[in-house]
Amino acid sequence: MGIVYEMFGITSVQVANTVLNIAVVLVVLTVALRVVKVLFKRAELRLREQGRDLTPLLYLRYAVKGRIYVVCLTAALRHVPGMNAVLTSLLAGSGVIAVVVGLASQQALGNIVSGMVILVFRPFQVGDKIRYHGLGLTGVIEEIGLRHTAIRTAEHSEILVPNSLMNSNVVEVLPKEKEADCPEAARKK
């Protein structure tokens, strides 16, 4: 083990500090994700009680969790000896990296932008019954995420449709069923 320490120019104390710091970052990550989960669950319950749309909240949850992961990953990497220089180089080259990543993930970024368009213009919401003409299916919107929209069909299967397709195909929002039209709702009372 001493050879490894000499080769990288670090001491066992530095290794122990690095491991301890990364462990602290992982604990902070875990706690932060749990706090976010609890806060968003509470907000979701309040919005459900008020009968309000959950779509912006669900979308915001993904954005917050993504930022927590990025911050914690960066913090963990900063504690690894020699990574400060790598992180500085990455920051300096981030413009080039952004172009490369943008070209490589064009479809994924298109889905995210389409998800934002759905969020802003709200052609449909979580809980709406829709007919998606692109695939010829009918179902209820269960979730609108960063990448896809989840639709629950009458057969109780879940179909994940990329947001770019949801924006580029005809989606018919069906009227809400009234109790008289829905015998199951009348029986539940």
N, C-alpha and C. Protein backbone atom coordinates (compact mmCIF):
# COMPACT_ATOMS: atom_id res chain seq x y z
N MET A 1 0.82 -1.18 0.00
CA MET A 1 0.00 0.00 0.00
C MET A 1 0.87 1.25 0.00
N GLY A 2 2.03 1.18 0.67
CA GLY A 2 2.95 2.32 0.73
C GLY A 2 3.41 2.74 -0.64
N ILE A 3 3.57 1.77 -1.56
CA ILE A 3 4.00 2.09 -2.91
C ILE A 3 2.95 2.94 -3.62
N VAL A 4 1.67 2.60 -3.40
CA VAL A 4 0.58 3.36 -4.01
C VAL A 4 0.58 4.79 -3.49
N TYR A 5 0.76 4.94 -2.17
CA TYR A 5 0.79 6.27 -1.57
C TYR A 5 1.93 7.09 -2.15
N GLU A 6 3.12 6.46 -2.31
CA GLU A 6 4.27 7.16 -2.85
C GLU A 6 4.06 7.52 -4.31
N MET A 7 3.43 6.61 -5.05
CA MET A 7 3.22 6.82 -6.47
C MET A 7 2.33 8.03 -6.73
N PHE A 8 1.29 8.20 -5.91
CA PHE A 8 0.36 9.31 -6.09
C PHE A 8 0.71 10.51 -5.22
N GLY A 9 1.71 10.39 -4.40
CA GLY A 9 2.15 11.50 -3.57
C GLY A 9 1.15 11.88 -2.50
N ILE A 10 0.48 10.88 -1.92
CA ILE A 10 -0.50 11.14 -0.87
C ILE A 10 -0.16 10.29 0.35
N THR A 11 -0.70 10.71 1.46
CA THR A 11 -0.46 9.96 2.70
C THR A 11 -1.74 9.23 3.09
N SER A 12 -1.59 8.30 4.03
CA SER A 12 -2.76 7.55 4.49
C SER A 12 -3.77 8.48 5.18
N VAL A 13 -3.30 9.55 5.79
CA VAL A 13 -4.20 10.52 6.43
C VAL A 13 -5.03 11.23 5.36
N GLN A 14 -4.40 11.57 4.24
CA GLN A 14 -5.13 12.21 3.15
C GLN A 14 -6.19 11.27 2.58
N VAL A 15 -5.85 10.01 2.46
CA VAL A 15 -6.81 9.02 1.96
C VAL A 15 -7.99 8.91 2.93
N ALA A 16 -7.69 8.85 4.22
CA ALA A 16 -8.75 8.76 5.22
C ALA A 16 -9.63 10.00 5.19
N ASN A 17 -9.03 11.18 5.06
CA ASN A 17 -9.81 12.42 4.96
C ASN A 17 -10.69 12.43 3.72
N THR A 18 -10.15 11.96 2.62
CA THR A 18 -10.91 11.91 1.37
C THR A 18 -12.11 10.99 1.52
N VAL A 19 -11.88 9.80 2.06
CA VAL A 19 -12.96 8.84 2.25
C VAL A 19 -14.02 9.41 3.19
N LEU A 20 -13.58 10.05 4.27
CA LEU A 20 -14.50 10.64 5.23
C LEU A 20 -15.32 11.77 4.59
N ASN A 21 -14.66 12.63 3.83
CA ASN A 21 -15.36 13.73 3.16
C ASN A 21 -16.38 13.22 2.14
N ILE A 22 -16.02 12.20 1.38
CA ILE A 22 -16.96 11.64 0.41
C ILE A 22 -18.13 10.97 1.13
N ALA A 23 -17.86 10.31 2.25
CA ALA A 23 -18.94 9.71 3.05
C ALA A 23 -19.90 10.78 3.55
N VAL A 24 -19.36 11.91 3.98
CA VAL A 24 -20.21 13.03 4.44
C VAL A 24 -21.08 13.53 3.29
N VAL A 25 -20.48 13.67 2.12
CA VAL A 25 -21.25 14.12 0.95
C VAL A 25 -22.37 13.13 0.64
N LEU A 26 -22.09 11.83 0.73
CA LEU A 26 -23.13 10.82 0.47
C LEU A 26 -24.25 10.89 1.51
N VAL A 27 -23.89 11.16 2.76
CA VAL A 27 -24.91 11.31 3.81
C VAL A 27 -25.77 12.54 3.52
N VAL A 28 -25.11 13.64 3.15
CA VAL A 28 -25.85 14.87 2.81
C VAL A 28 -26.77 14.62 1.62
N LEU A 29 -26.28 13.90 0.61
CA LEU A 29 -27.10 13.55 -0.55
C LEU A 29 -28.33 12.77 -0.13
N THR A 30 -28.15 11.75 0.69
CA THR A 30 -29.26 10.91 1.14
C THR A 30 -30.28 11.72 1.93
N VAL A 31 -29.80 12.54 2.85
CA VAL A 31 -30.70 13.36 3.67
C VAL A 31 -31.44 14.37 2.79
N ALA A 32 -30.72 15.02 1.89
CA ALA A 32 -31.34 16.02 1.02
C ALA A 32 -32.43 15.40 0.16
N LEU A 33 -32.17 14.21 -0.40
CA LEU A 33 -33.17 13.54 -1.22
C LEU A 33 -34.40 13.15 -0.41
N ARG A 34 -34.20 12.71 0.82
CA ARG A 34 -35.34 12.35 1.68
C ARG A 34 -36.15 13.57 2.06
N VAL A 35 -35.47 14.67 2.37
CA VAL A 35 -36.19 15.91 2.72
C VAL A 35 -37.00 16.39 1.53
N VAL A 36 -36.40 16.38 0.35
CA VAL A 36 -37.10 16.80 -0.85
C VAL A 36 -38.32 15.89 -1.09
N LYS A 37 -38.15 14.59 -0.90
CA LYS A 37 -39.25 13.66 -1.10
C LYS A 37 -40.41 13.98 -0.15
N VAL A 38 -40.11 14.21 1.12
CA VAL A 38 -41.15 14.52 2.11
C VAL A 38 -41.84 15.84 1.76
N LEU A 39 -41.05 16.86 1.44
CA LEU A 39 -41.63 18.17 1.12
C LEU A 39 -42.53 18.11 -0.11
N PHE A 40 -42.08 17.39 -1.12
CA PHE A 40 -42.90 17.29 -2.33
C PHE A 40 -44.14 16.43 -2.12
N LYS A 41 -44.05 15.42 -1.27
CA LYS A 41 -45.25 14.62 -0.95
C LYS A 41 -46.29 15.49 -0.24
N ARG A 42 -45.83 16.32 0.71
CA ARG A 42 -46.75 17.22 1.42
C ARG A 42 -47.40 18.20 0.46
N ALA A 43 -46.59 18.77 -0.41
CA ALA A 43 -47.13 19.73 -1.38
C ALA A 43 -48.11 19.04 -2.33
N GLU A 44 -47.78 17.81 -2.72
CA GLU A 44 -48.67 17.05 -3.60
C GLU A 44 -50.01 16.78 -2.92
N LEU A 45 -49.99 16.39 -1.65
CA LEU A 45 -51.23 16.15 -0.93
C LEU A 45 -52.08 17.42 -0.84
N ARG A 46 -51.43 18.56 -0.56
CA ARG A 46 -52.17 19.83 -0.49
C ARG A 46 -52.81 20.17 -1.82
N LEU A 47 -52.05 20.00 -2.90
CA LEU A 47 -52.59 20.32 -4.22
C LEU A 47 -53.74 19.37 -4.59
N ARG A 48 -53.61 18.10 -4.23
CA ARG A 48 -54.70 17.14 -4.49
C ARG A 48 -55.96 17.54 -3.72
N GLU A 49 -55.78 17.94 -2.45
CA GLU A 49 -56.93 18.36 -1.64
C GLU A 49 -57.61 19.57 -2.24
N GLN A 50 -56.84 20.46 -2.82
CA GLN A 50 -57.38 21.67 -3.42
C GLN A 50 -57.88 21.43 -4.84
N GLY A 51 -57.63 20.23 -5.37
CA GLY A 51 -58.06 19.90 -6.73
C GLY A 51 -57.26 20.62 -7.80
N ARG A 52 -56.03 20.98 -7.50
CA ARG A 52 -55.19 21.71 -8.44
C ARG A 52 -54.32 20.76 -9.25
N ASP A 53 -53.76 21.29 -10.32
CA ASP A 53 -52.92 20.52 -11.23
C ASP A 53 -51.58 20.19 -10.58
N LEU A 54 -51.17 18.93 -10.69
CA LEU A 54 -49.91 18.46 -10.09
C LEU A 54 -48.72 18.54 -11.05
N THR A 55 -48.97 18.78 -12.32
CA THR A 55 -47.92 18.70 -13.32
C THR A 55 -46.72 19.60 -13.01
N PRO A 56 -46.90 20.89 -12.69
CA PRO A 56 -45.71 21.72 -12.40
C PRO A 56 -44.92 21.21 -11.21
N LEU A 57 -45.61 20.71 -10.19
CA LEU A 57 -44.93 20.20 -9.00
C LEU A 57 -44.10 18.97 -9.34
N LEU A 58 -44.67 18.05 -10.12
CA LEU A 58 -43.94 16.84 -10.49
C LEU A 58 -42.72 17.18 -11.34
N TYR A 59 -42.87 18.15 -12.20
CA TYR A 59 -41.76 18.57 -13.05
C TYR A 59 -40.66 19.23 -12.21
N LEU A 60 -41.07 20.08 -11.27
CA LEU A 60 -40.11 20.76 -10.40
C LEU A 60 -39.35 19.75 -9.54
N ARG A 61 -40.02 18.68 -9.13
CA ARG A 61 -39.37 17.65 -8.32
C ARG A 61 -38.17 17.06 -9.05
N TYR A 62 -38.33 16.76 -10.34
CA TYR A 62 -37.23 16.21 -11.12
C TYR A 62 -36.07 17.22 -11.22
N ALA A 63 -36.40 18.48 -11.42
CA ALA A 63 -35.35 19.50 -11.55
C ALA A 63 -34.58 19.65 -10.24
N VAL A 64 -35.28 19.67 -9.12
CA VAL A 64 -34.62 19.83 -7.81
C VAL A 64 -33.72 18.62 -7.53
N LYS A 65 -34.25 17.41 -7.76
CA LYS A 65 -33.45 16.22 -7.51
C LYS A 65 -32.22 16.18 -8.40
N GLY A 66 -32.36 16.59 -9.65
CA GLY A 66 -31.22 16.62 -10.57
C GLY A 66 -30.14 17.56 -10.09
N ARG A 67 -30.54 18.73 -9.60
CA ARG A 67 -29.56 19.69 -9.10
C ARG A 67 -28.87 19.18 -7.85
N ILE A 68 -29.59 18.50 -6.99
CA ILE A 68 -28.98 17.93 -5.79
C ILE A 68 -27.90 16.93 -6.18
N TYR A 69 -28.20 16.06 -7.15
CA TYR A 69 -27.21 15.09 -7.60
C TYR A 69 -25.96 15.77 -8.18
N VAL A 70 -26.15 16.80 -8.99
CA VAL A 70 -25.02 17.49 -9.61
C VAL A 70 -24.15 18.16 -8.55
N VAL A 71 -24.78 18.86 -7.60
CA VAL A 71 -24.02 19.55 -6.55
C VAL A 71 -23.25 18.53 -5.70
N CYS A 72 -23.90 17.44 -5.31
CA CYS A 72 -23.21 16.44 -4.47
C CYS A 72 -22.10 15.72 -5.23
N LEU A 73 -22.32 15.42 -6.51
CA LEU A 73 -21.27 14.79 -7.31
C LEU A 73 -20.06 15.71 -7.42
N THR A 74 -20.32 16.99 -7.68
CA THR A 74 -19.22 17.96 -7.76
C THR A 74 -18.49 18.07 -6.43
N ALA A 75 -19.25 18.13 -5.33
CA ALA A 75 -18.63 18.22 -4.00
C ALA A 75 -17.78 16.98 -3.71
N ALA A 76 -18.28 15.81 -4.08
CA ALA A 76 -17.52 14.58 -3.84
C ALA A 76 -16.24 14.56 -4.66
N LEU A 77 -16.32 14.97 -5.91
CA LEU A 77 -15.14 14.96 -6.78
C LEU A 77 -14.08 15.97 -6.32
N ARG A 78 -14.52 17.07 -5.72
CA ARG A 78 -13.56 18.09 -5.25
C ARG A 78 -12.69 17.54 -4.12
N HIS A 79 -13.16 16.54 -3.41
CA HIS A 79 -12.38 15.99 -2.29
C HIS A 79 -11.36 14.93 -2.74
N VAL A 80 -11.45 14.51 -3.97
CA VAL A 80 -10.49 13.52 -4.47
C VAL A 80 -9.22 14.26 -4.89
N PRO A 81 -8.06 13.83 -4.36
CA PRO A 81 -6.81 14.53 -4.71
C PRO A 81 -6.58 14.54 -6.22
N GLY A 82 -6.24 15.70 -6.72
CA GLY A 82 -5.98 15.84 -8.15
C GLY A 82 -7.21 16.15 -8.98
N MET A 83 -8.39 16.06 -8.41
CA MET A 83 -9.60 16.31 -9.18
C MET A 83 -9.89 17.80 -9.35
N ASN A 84 -9.33 18.65 -8.47
CA ASN A 84 -9.54 20.09 -8.62
C ASN A 84 -9.05 20.57 -9.98
N ALA A 85 -7.89 20.07 -10.39
CA ALA A 85 -7.35 20.45 -11.70
C ALA A 85 -8.25 19.94 -12.82
N VAL A 86 -8.76 18.73 -12.66
CA VAL A 86 -9.65 18.16 -13.68
C VAL A 86 -10.96 18.96 -13.74
N LEU A 87 -11.53 19.29 -12.57
CA LEU A 87 -12.77 20.06 -12.54
C LEU A 87 -12.57 21.45 -13.13
N THR A 88 -11.41 22.08 -12.87
CA THR A 88 -11.11 23.39 -13.44
C THR A 88 -11.02 23.29 -14.96
N SER A 89 -10.37 22.24 -15.45
CA SER A 89 -10.27 22.04 -16.90
C SER A 89 -11.64 21.80 -17.51
N LEU A 90 -12.48 21.03 -16.81
CA LEU A 90 -13.84 20.79 -17.31
C LEU A 90 -14.63 22.08 -17.37
N LEU A 91 -14.48 22.92 -16.36
CA LEU A 91 -15.18 24.19 -16.35
C LEU A 91 -14.69 25.07 -17.49
N ALA A 92 -13.40 25.08 -17.72
CA ALA A 92 -12.84 25.89 -18.80
C ALA A 92 -13.32 25.38 -20.17
N GLY A 93 -13.44 24.10 -20.30
CA GLY A 93 -13.89 23.52 -21.57
C GLY A 93 -15.37 23.23 -21.62
N SER A 94 -16.14 23.80 -20.71
CA SER A 94 -17.56 23.46 -20.63
C SER A 94 -18.34 23.90 -21.87
N GLY A 95 -17.88 24.96 -22.54
CA GLY A 95 -18.56 25.39 -23.77
C GLY A 95 -18.47 24.31 -24.84
N VAL A 96 -17.29 23.78 -25.02
CA VAL A 96 -17.09 22.71 -26.00
C VAL A 96 -17.86 21.46 -25.57
N ILE A 97 -17.80 21.16 -24.28
CA ILE A 97 -18.52 19.99 -23.75
C ILE A 97 -20.03 20.16 -23.97
N ALA A 98 -20.55 21.37 -23.76
CA ALA A 98 -21.98 21.62 -23.94
C ALA A 98 -22.40 21.37 -25.38
N VAL A 99 -21.58 21.79 -26.33
CA VAL A 99 -21.90 21.57 -27.74
C VAL A 99 -21.90 20.08 -28.06
N VAL A 100 -20.88 19.38 -27.59
CA VAL A 100 -20.77 17.95 -27.86
C VAL A 100 -21.94 17.19 -27.23
N VAL A 101 -22.21 17.49 -25.96
CA VAL A 101 -23.32 16.82 -25.27
C VAL A 101 -24.64 17.18 -25.93
N GLY A 102 -24.80 18.43 -26.33
CA GLY A 102 -26.03 18.87 -26.99
C GLY A 102 -26.28 18.12 -28.28
N LEU A 103 -25.24 17.96 -29.08
CA LEU A 103 -25.40 17.22 -30.34
C LEU A 103 -25.65 15.74 -30.09
N ALA A 104 -24.97 15.19 -29.09
CA ALA A 104 -25.12 13.77 -28.80
C ALA A 104 -26.50 13.44 -28.20
N SER A 105 -27.05 14.40 -27.47
CA SER A 105 -28.32 14.11 -26.79
C SER A 105 -29.45 14.98 -27.32
N GLN A 106 -29.44 15.23 -28.61
CA GLN A 106 -30.44 16.07 -29.23
C GLN A 106 -31.85 15.57 -28.96
N GLN A 107 -32.07 14.30 -29.09
CA GLN A 107 -33.40 13.74 -28.90
C GLN A 107 -33.84 13.87 -27.43
N ALA A 108 -32.95 13.58 -26.51
CA ALA A 108 -33.29 13.70 -25.08
C ALA A 108 -33.59 15.15 -24.71
N LEU A 109 -32.76 16.07 -25.21
CA LEU A 109 -33.01 17.49 -24.94
C LEU A 109 -34.31 17.95 -25.58
N GLY A 110 -34.62 17.41 -26.76
CA GLY A 110 -35.89 17.73 -27.42
C GLY A 110 -37.07 17.28 -26.56
N ASN A 111 -36.94 16.11 -25.93
CA ASN A 111 -38.01 15.63 -25.04
C ASN A 111 -38.16 16.53 -23.82
N ILE A 112 -37.04 17.01 -23.28
CA ILE A 112 -37.09 17.89 -22.11
C ILE A 112 -37.73 19.22 -22.47
N VAL A 113 -37.33 19.79 -23.61
CA VAL A 113 -37.93 21.05 -24.04
C VAL A 113 -39.43 20.85 -24.32
N SER A 114 -39.78 19.74 -24.93
CA SER A 114 -41.20 19.44 -25.18
C SER A 114 -41.96 19.30 -23.87
N GLY A 115 -41.32 18.71 -22.86
CA GLY A 115 -41.95 18.60 -21.55
C GLY A 115 -42.20 19.96 -20.94
N MET A 116 -41.25 20.89 -21.13
CA MET A 116 -41.44 22.25 -20.63
C MET A 116 -42.59 22.95 -21.36
N VAL A 117 -42.70 22.70 -22.67
CA VAL A 117 -43.80 23.29 -23.44
C VAL A 117 -45.13 22.75 -22.93
N ILE A 118 -45.20 21.46 -22.66
CA ILE A 118 -46.42 20.86 -22.11
C ILE A 118 -46.73 21.49 -20.75
N LEU A 119 -45.71 21.71 -19.95
CA LEU A 119 -45.89 22.29 -18.63
C LEU A 119 -46.41 23.73 -18.72
N VAL A 120 -45.88 24.51 -19.64
CA VAL A 120 -46.27 25.91 -19.76
C VAL A 120 -47.66 26.05 -20.39
N PHE A 121 -47.92 25.35 -21.49
CA PHE A 121 -49.18 25.55 -22.21
C PHE A 121 -50.31 24.63 -21.73
N ARG A 122 -49.97 23.58 -21.01
CA ARG A 122 -50.93 22.67 -20.38
C ARG A 122 -52.05 22.19 -21.33
N PRO A 123 -51.69 21.55 -22.42
CA PRO A 123 -52.74 21.00 -23.28
C PRO A 123 -53.49 19.86 -22.58
N PHE A 124 -52.84 19.23 -21.66
CA PHE A 124 -53.45 18.19 -20.81
C PHE A 124 -52.73 18.20 -19.49
N GLN A 125 -53.36 17.57 -18.48
CA GLN A 125 -52.80 17.56 -17.14
C GLN A 125 -52.82 16.15 -16.59
N VAL A 126 -52.12 15.96 -15.48
CA VAL A 126 -52.17 14.67 -14.79
C VAL A 126 -53.62 14.44 -14.38
N GLY A 127 -54.14 13.25 -14.69
CA GLY A 127 -55.52 12.90 -14.35
C GLY A 127 -56.48 13.03 -15.52
N ASP A 128 -56.06 13.71 -16.61
CA ASP A 128 -56.94 13.85 -17.78
C ASP A 128 -57.00 12.54 -18.55
N LYS A 129 -58.19 12.25 -19.08
CA LYS A 129 -58.35 11.09 -19.97
C LYS A 129 -58.12 11.60 -21.39
N ILE A 130 -57.23 10.93 -22.12
CA ILE A 130 -56.88 11.39 -23.47
C ILE A 130 -56.98 10.24 -24.47
N ARG A 131 -57.07 10.64 -25.71
CA ARG A 131 -56.94 9.69 -26.83
C ARG A 131 -55.73 10.16 -27.61
N TYR A 132 -54.71 9.30 -27.68
CA TYR A 132 -53.47 9.62 -28.38
C TYR A 132 -53.57 9.00 -29.76
N HIS A 133 -53.75 9.84 -30.76
CA HIS A 133 -54.00 9.35 -32.12
C HIS A 133 -52.76 8.76 -32.77
N GLY A 134 -51.57 9.18 -32.33
CA GLY A 134 -50.32 8.66 -32.91
C GLY A 134 -50.19 7.16 -32.75
N LEU A 135 -50.66 6.63 -31.61
CA LEU A 135 -50.59 5.19 -31.34
C LEU A 135 -51.97 4.54 -31.30
N GLY A 136 -53.01 5.35 -31.42
CA GLY A 136 -54.36 4.83 -31.36
C GLY A 136 -54.71 4.27 -29.99
N LEU A 137 -54.31 4.95 -28.94
CA LEU A 137 -54.62 4.45 -27.60
C LEU A 137 -55.36 5.50 -26.80
N THR A 138 -56.10 5.01 -25.82
CA THR A 138 -56.84 5.88 -24.91
C THR A 138 -56.42 5.53 -23.50
N GLY A 139 -56.26 6.55 -22.66
CA GLY A 139 -55.86 6.29 -21.29
C GLY A 139 -55.87 7.57 -20.47
N VAL A 140 -55.39 7.44 -19.24
CA VAL A 140 -55.34 8.56 -18.30
C VAL A 140 -53.89 8.97 -18.10
N ILE A 141 -53.64 10.28 -18.14
CA ILE A 141 -52.29 10.79 -17.91
C ILE A 141 -51.96 10.56 -16.43
N GLU A 142 -50.90 9.80 -16.18
CA GLU A 142 -50.48 9.54 -14.80
C GLU A 142 -49.33 10.42 -14.38
N GLU A 143 -48.46 10.76 -15.32
CA GLU A 143 -47.29 11.55 -14.97
C GLU A 143 -46.76 12.24 -16.21
N ILE A 144 -46.31 13.48 -16.03
CA ILE A 144 -45.61 14.19 -17.09
C ILE A 144 -44.23 14.49 -16.54
N GLY A 145 -43.24 13.78 -17.06
CA GLY A 145 -41.88 13.91 -16.56
C GLY A 145 -41.01 14.72 -17.49
N LEU A 146 -39.71 14.74 -17.18
CA LEU A 146 -38.77 15.47 -18.02
C LEU A 146 -38.67 14.88 -19.41
N ARG A 147 -38.70 13.56 -19.50
CA ARG A 147 -38.46 12.88 -20.76
C ARG A 147 -39.71 12.33 -21.41
N HIS A 148 -40.67 11.90 -20.61
CA HIS A 148 -41.83 11.21 -21.17
C HIS A 148 -43.11 11.52 -20.40
N THR A 149 -44.22 11.13 -21.02
CA THR A 149 -45.53 11.22 -20.38
C THR A 149 -46.02 9.79 -20.19
N ALA A 150 -46.46 9.47 -18.97
CA ALA A 150 -46.96 8.13 -18.66
C ALA A 150 -48.47 8.12 -18.82
N ILE A 151 -48.97 7.16 -19.59
CA ILE A 151 -50.40 7.02 -19.83
C ILE A 151 -50.83 5.64 -19.36
N ARG A 152 -51.84 5.58 -18.49
CA ARG A 152 -52.40 4.32 -17.99
C ARG A 152 -53.59 3.97 -18.88
N THR A 153 -53.54 2.79 -19.52
CA THR A 153 -54.61 2.38 -20.44
C THR A 153 -55.73 1.66 -19.67
N ALA A 154 -56.81 1.37 -20.38
CA ALA A 154 -57.94 0.66 -19.77
C ALA A 154 -57.53 -0.75 -19.35
N GLU A 155 -56.52 -1.31 -19.98
CA GLU A 155 -56.02 -2.65 -19.64
C GLU A 155 -55.05 -2.60 -18.47
N HIS A 156 -54.90 -1.43 -17.83
CA HIS A 156 -54.02 -1.20 -16.68
C HIS A 156 -52.55 -1.34 -17.00
N SER A 157 -52.19 -1.16 -18.27
CA SER A 157 -50.77 -1.12 -18.61
C SER A 157 -50.36 0.35 -18.71
N GLU A 158 -49.08 0.58 -18.50
CA GLU A 158 -48.57 1.95 -18.54
C GLU A 158 -47.74 2.11 -19.80
N ILE A 159 -48.09 3.12 -20.58
CA ILE A 159 -47.38 3.43 -21.82
C ILE A 159 -46.58 4.70 -21.58
N LEU A 160 -45.28 4.66 -21.87
CA LEU A 160 -44.43 5.84 -21.74
C LEU A 160 -44.19 6.41 -23.14
N VAL A 161 -44.70 7.61 -23.37
CA VAL A 161 -44.58 8.26 -24.67
C VAL A 161 -43.62 9.44 -24.54
N PRO A 162 -42.56 9.50 -25.35
CA PRO A 162 -41.64 10.64 -25.27
C PRO A 162 -42.39 11.96 -25.48
N ASN A 163 -42.00 12.98 -24.73
CA ASN A 163 -42.70 14.26 -24.80
C ASN A 163 -42.67 14.88 -26.19
N SER A 164 -41.60 14.65 -26.95
CA SER A 164 -41.54 15.21 -28.31
C SER A 164 -42.66 14.62 -29.17
N LEU A 165 -42.99 13.35 -28.96
CA LEU A 165 -44.10 12.74 -29.70
C LEU A 165 -45.45 13.26 -29.21
N MET A 166 -45.55 13.53 -27.91
CA MET A 166 -46.80 14.08 -27.37
C MET A 166 -47.07 15.46 -27.97
N ASN A 167 -46.02 16.21 -28.27
CA ASN A 167 -46.18 17.53 -28.86
C ASN A 167 -46.41 17.48 -30.36
N SER A 168 -45.92 16.44 -31.03
CA SER A 168 -45.99 16.42 -32.48
C SER A 168 -47.16 15.60 -33.03
N ASN A 169 -47.89 14.88 -32.18
CA ASN A 169 -49.05 14.11 -32.63
C ASN A 169 -50.33 14.70 -32.06
N VAL A 170 -51.44 14.24 -32.60
CA VAL A 170 -52.74 14.72 -32.15
C VAL A 170 -53.10 14.02 -30.84
N VAL A 171 -53.36 14.82 -29.81
CA VAL A 171 -53.78 14.30 -28.51
C VAL A 171 -55.14 14.93 -28.22
N GLU A 172 -56.14 14.08 -28.08
CA GLU A 172 -57.51 14.55 -27.80
C GLU A 172 -57.79 14.39 -26.32
N VAL A 173 -58.10 15.50 -25.65
CA VAL A 173 -58.46 15.45 -24.24
C VAL A 173 -59.95 15.17 -24.18
N LEU A 174 -60.30 14.02 -23.59
CA LEU A 174 -61.70 13.60 -23.52
C LEU A 174 -62.38 14.27 -22.33
N PRO A 175 -63.68 14.50 -22.45
CA PRO A 175 -64.38 15.14 -21.33
C PRO A 175 -64.36 14.25 -20.10
N LYS A 176 -64.36 14.91 -18.94
CA LYS A 176 -64.39 14.16 -17.68
C LYS A 176 -65.72 13.42 -17.59
N GLU A 177 -65.64 12.20 -17.06
CA GLU A 177 -66.87 11.40 -16.92
C GLU A 177 -67.69 11.92 -15.76
N LYS A 178 -68.99 12.06 -15.99
CA LYS A 178 -69.90 12.45 -14.92
C LYS A 178 -70.34 11.18 -14.21
N GLU A 179 -70.83 11.33 -12.99
CA GLU A 179 -71.24 10.15 -12.21
C GLU A 179 -72.32 9.37 -12.93
N ALA A 180 -73.19 10.06 -13.65
CA ALA A 180 -74.25 9.36 -14.37
C ALA A 180 -73.67 8.51 -15.50
N ASP A 181 -72.57 8.99 -16.09
CA ASP A 181 -71.94 8.26 -17.19
C ASP A 181 -71.02 7.15 -16.70
N CYS A 182 -70.65 7.18 -15.43
CA CYS A 182 -69.67 6.25 -14.91
C CYS A 182 -70.30 5.46 -13.76
N PRO A 183 -70.81 4.26 -14.05
CA PRO A 183 -71.46 3.47 -12.99
C PRO A 183 -70.52 3.09 -11.85
N GLU A 184 -69.20 2.98 -12.15
CA GLU A 184 -68.25 2.62 -11.08
C GLU A 184 -68.17 3.72 -10.03
N ALA A 185 -68.21 4.98 -10.45
CA ALA A 185 -68.13 6.09 -9.51
C ALA A 185 -69.39 6.14 -8.63
N ALA A 186 -70.54 5.83 -9.24
CA ALA A 186 -71.79 5.83 -8.47
C ALA A 186 -71.80 4.72 -7.42
N ARG A 187 -71.21 3.55 -7.79
CA ARG A 187 -71.17 2.41 -6.85
C ARG A 187 -70.25 2.68 -5.68
N LYS A 188 -69.18 3.46 -5.88
CA LYS A 188 -68.22 3.72 -4.82
C LYS A 188 -68.82 4.54 -3.69
N LYS A 189 -69.85 5.34 -4.00
CA LYS A 189 -70.46 6.17 -2.96
C LYS A 189 -71.37 5.42 -2.10
